């Protein structure tokens, strides 16, 4: 269980970290199956996504922009339950390059 908690904390640091180092995706951030290693694959795609729900705002987008200004540009009303939510997604691609090692974008 400790490994799952650590993975979650690292993922949140990648999204919300205060330093460039906290937010930098590295090759070790990409999942490899037990029978894989970095040399046996060409690369991976990955994403980290979080959805914040604001049920106390009851669909009032003007109030949401005042209460949650950091999310004001990404707040939307969920089609299923009508609650205001904010979605943040970090996408990364890792490609192995024989001559230069690896990079992610």
C-alpha atoms as a PDB file:
ATOM      1  CA  UNK A   1       0.000   0.000   0.000  1.00  0.00           C
ATOM      2  CA  UNK A   2       2.857   2.418   0.707  1.00  0.00           C
ATOM      3  CA  UNK A   3       3.952   2.292  -2.927  1.00  0.00           C
ATOM      4  CA  UNK A   4       0.471   3.273  -4.112  1.00  0.00           C
ATOM      5  CA  UNK A   5       0.444   6.240  -1.727  1.00  0.00           C
ATOM      6  CA  UNK A   6       3.876   7.333  -2.917  1.00  0.00           C
ATOM      7  CA  UNK A   7       2.766   7.098  -6.547  1.00  0.00           C
ATOM      8  CA  UNK A   8      -0.275   9.231  -5.795  1.00  0.00           C
ATOM      9  CA  UNK A   9       1.798  11.869  -4.015  1.00  0.00           C
ATOM     10  CA  UNK A  10       4.311  12.020  -6.885  1.00  0.00           C
ATOM     11  CA  UNK A  11       1.451  12.357  -9.408  1.00  0.00           C
ATOM     12  CA  UNK A  12      -0.019  15.259  -7.434  1.00  0.00           C
ATOM     13  CA  UNK A  13       3.420  16.899  -7.296  1.00  0.00           C
ATOM     14  CA  UNK A  14       3.638  16.619 -11.096  1.00  0.00           C
ATOM     15  CA  UNK A  15       0.339  18.499 -11.378  1.00  0.00           C
ATOM     16  CA  UNK A  16       0.650  21.027  -8.561  1.00  0.00           C
ATOM     17  CA  UNK A  17       4.325  21.191  -7.597  1.00  0.00           C
ATOM     18  CA  UNK A  18       5.772  24.572  -6.706  1.00  0.00           C
ATOM     19  CA  UNK A  19       9.148  23.998  -8.383  1.00  0.00           C
ATOM     20  CA  UNK A  20      10.091  23.052 -11.922  1.00  0.00           C
ATOM     21  CA  UNK A  21      11.662  19.843 -10.589  1.00  0.00           C
ATOM     22  CA  UNK A  22       8.366  18.859  -8.926  1.00  0.00           C
ATOM     23  CA  UNK A  23       6.512  19.321 -12.226  1.00  0.00           C
ATOM     24  CA  UNK A  24       9.057  17.613 -14.515  1.00  0.00           C
ATOM     25  CA  UNK A  25       8.006  14.236 -15.950  1.00  0.00           C
ATOM     26  CA  UNK A  26      10.832  11.677 -16.013  1.00  0.00           C
ATOM     27  CA  UNK A  27      11.168   8.258 -17.617  1.00  0.00           C
ATOM     28  CA  UNK A  28      10.610   6.640 -14.222  1.00  0.00           C
ATOM     29  CA  UNK A  29       7.123   8.196 -14.107  1.00  0.00           C
ATOM     30  CA  UNK A  30       5.949   5.859 -16.887  1.00  0.00           C
ATOM     31  CA  UNK A  31       4.599   2.433 -15.965  1.00  0.00           C
ATOM     32  CA  UNK A  32       6.545  -0.638 -17.048  1.00  0.00           C
ATOM     33  CA  UNK A  33       5.157  -4.147 -16.682  1.00  0.00           C
ATOM     34  CA  UNK A  34       7.262  -6.574 -14.626  1.00  0.00           C
ATOM     35  CA  UNK A  35       8.600  -8.231 -17.804  1.00  0.00           C
ATOM     36  CA  UNK A  36       9.558  -4.923 -19.488  1.00  0.00           C
ATOM     37  CA  UNK A  37      12.544  -2.644 -19.230  1.00  0.00           C
ATOM     38  CA  UNK A  38      13.308   0.717 -20.813  1.00  0.00           C
ATOM     39  CA  UNK A  39      15.418  -0.923 -23.517  1.00  0.00           C
ATOM     40  CA  UNK A  40      12.684  -3.305 -24.663  1.00  0.00           C
ATOM     41  CA  UNK A  41      10.118  -0.629 -25.616  1.00  0.00           C
ATOM     42  CA  UNK A  42      10.191   2.513 -27.753  1.00  0.00           C
ATOM     43  CA  UNK A  43       8.164   4.695 -25.426  1.00  0.00           C
ATOM     44  CA  UNK A  44       4.871   5.300 -23.678  1.00  0.00           C
ATOM     45  CA  UNK A  45       2.031   7.766 -23.358  1.00  0.00           C
ATOM     46  CA  UNK A  46       0.659   8.643 -19.965  1.00  0.00           C
ATOM     47  CA  UNK A  47      -1.654  11.105 -18.295  1.00  0.00           C
ATOM     48  CA  UNK A  48      -2.595  12.277 -14.836  1.00  0.00           C
ATOM     49  CA  UNK A  49      -6.108  13.627 -14.422  1.00  0.00           C
ATOM     50  CA  UNK A  50      -7.932  15.076 -11.445  1.00  0.00           C
ATOM     51  CA  UNK A  51     -11.515  16.269 -11.163  1.00  0.00           C
ATOM     52  CA  UNK A  52     -12.514  18.604  -8.369  1.00  0.00           C
ATOM     53  CA  UNK A  53     -16.183  18.776  -7.442  1.00  0.00           C
ATOM     54  CA  UNK A  54     -17.815  21.826  -5.874  1.00  0.00           C
ATOM     55  CA  UNK A  55     -21.253  20.580  -4.771  1.00  0.00           C
ATOM     56  CA  UNK A  56     -21.697  23.454  -2.330  1.00  0.00           C
ATOM     57  CA  UNK A  57     -21.893  25.917  -5.249  1.00  0.00           C
ATOM     58  CA  UNK A  58     -25.096  24.352  -6.624  1.00  0.00           C
ATOM     59  CA  UNK A  59     -24.478  25.230 -10.269  1.00  0.00           C
ATOM     60  CA  UNK A  60     -23.887  28.972  -9.792  1.00  0.00           C
ATOM     61  CA  UNK A  61     -20.942  29.641 -12.116  1.00  0.00           C
ATOM     62  CA  UNK A  62     -20.645  33.327 -11.070  1.00  0.00           C
ATOM     63  CA  UNK A  63     -20.295  32.308  -7.418  1.00  0.00           C
ATOM     64  CA  UNK A  64     -17.850  29.559  -8.456  1.00  0.00           C
ATOM     65  CA  UNK A  65     -15.542  32.101 -10.103  1.00  0.00           C
ATOM     66  CA  UNK A  66     -15.540  34.153  -6.890  1.00  0.00           C
ATOM     67  CA  UNK A  67     -15.127  31.198  -4.499  1.00  0.00           C
ATOM     68  CA  UNK A  68     -12.619  29.248  -6.626  1.00  0.00           C
ATOM     69  CA  UNK A  69     -10.765  31.832  -8.768  1.00  0.00           C
ATOM     70  CA  UNK A  70      -7.851  29.452  -9.453  1.00  0.00           C
ATOM     71  CA  UNK A  71     -10.262  27.155 -11.295  1.00  0.00           C
ATOM     72  CA  UNK A  72     -12.412  29.829 -12.958  1.00  0.00           C
ATOM     73  CA  UNK A  73     -11.240  29.033 -16.495  1.00  0.00           C
ATOM     74  CA  UNK A  74     -11.819  25.265 -16.172  1.00  0.00           C
ATOM     75  CA  UNK A  75     -15.064  25.035 -14.168  1.00  0.00           C
ATOM     76  CA  UNK A  76     -17.922  23.274 -15.918  1.00  0.00           C
ATOM     77  CA  UNK A  77     -21.326  21.867 -14.962  1.00  0.00           C
ATOM     78  CA  UNK A  78     -21.435  18.078 -15.039  1.00  0.00           C
ATOM     79  CA  UNK A  79     -24.127  16.808 -17.420  1.00  0.00           C
ATOM     80  CA  UNK A  80     -25.150  13.929 -15.134  1.00  0.00           C
ATOM     81  CA  UNK A  81     -25.535  15.626 -11.762  1.00  0.00           C
ATOM     82  CA  UNK A  82     -25.333  19.345 -12.595  1.00  0.00           C
ATOM     83  CA  UNK A  83     -22.590  19.916 -10.000  1.00  0.00           C
ATOM     84  CA  UNK A  84     -19.793  22.312 -10.806  1.00  0.00           C
ATOM     85  CA  UNK A  85     -16.458  20.616 -11.397  1.00  0.00           C
ATOM     86  CA  UNK A  86     -12.958  21.471 -12.563  1.00  0.00           C
ATOM     87  CA  UNK A  87     -10.846  19.050 -14.585  1.00  0.00           C
ATOM     88  CA  UNK A  88      -7.072  19.212 -14.863  1.00  0.00           C
ATOM     89  CA  UNK A  89      -5.073  16.823 -17.041  1.00  0.00           C
ATOM     90  CA  UNK A  90      -1.333  16.478 -17.602  1.00  0.00           C
ATOM     91  CA  UNK A  91      -0.357  14.451 -20.666  1.00  0.00           C
ATOM     92  CA  UNK A  92       3.146  13.163 -21.387  1.00  0.00           C
ATOM     93  CA  UNK A  93       4.842  11.145 -24.106  1.00  0.00           C
ATOM     94  CA  UNK A  94       8.125   9.372 -23.538  1.00  0.00           C
ATOM     95  CA  UNK A  95      10.107   8.274 -26.575  1.00  0.00           C
ATOM     96  CA  UNK A  96      13.337   6.352 -26.419  1.00  0.00           C
ATOM     97  CA  UNK A  97      16.030   7.804 -28.652  1.00  0.00           C
ATOM     98  CA  UNK A  98      19.075   5.613 -29.018  1.00  0.00           C
ATOM     99  CA  UNK A  99      21.473   8.453 -29.790  1.00  0.00           C
ATOM    100  CA  UNK A 100      20.290  10.809 -27.026  1.00  0.00           C
ATOM    101  CA  UNK A 101      18.720   8.606 -24.372  1.00  0.00           C
ATOM    102  CA  UNK A 102      15.120   9.582 -23.669  1.00  0.00           C
ATOM    103  CA  UNK A 103      12.903  12.588 -23.564  1.00  0.00           C
ATOM    104  CA  UNK A 104       9.355  13.373 -22.605  1.00  0.00           C
ATOM    105  CA  UNK A 105       7.054  16.077 -23.835  1.00  0.00           C
END
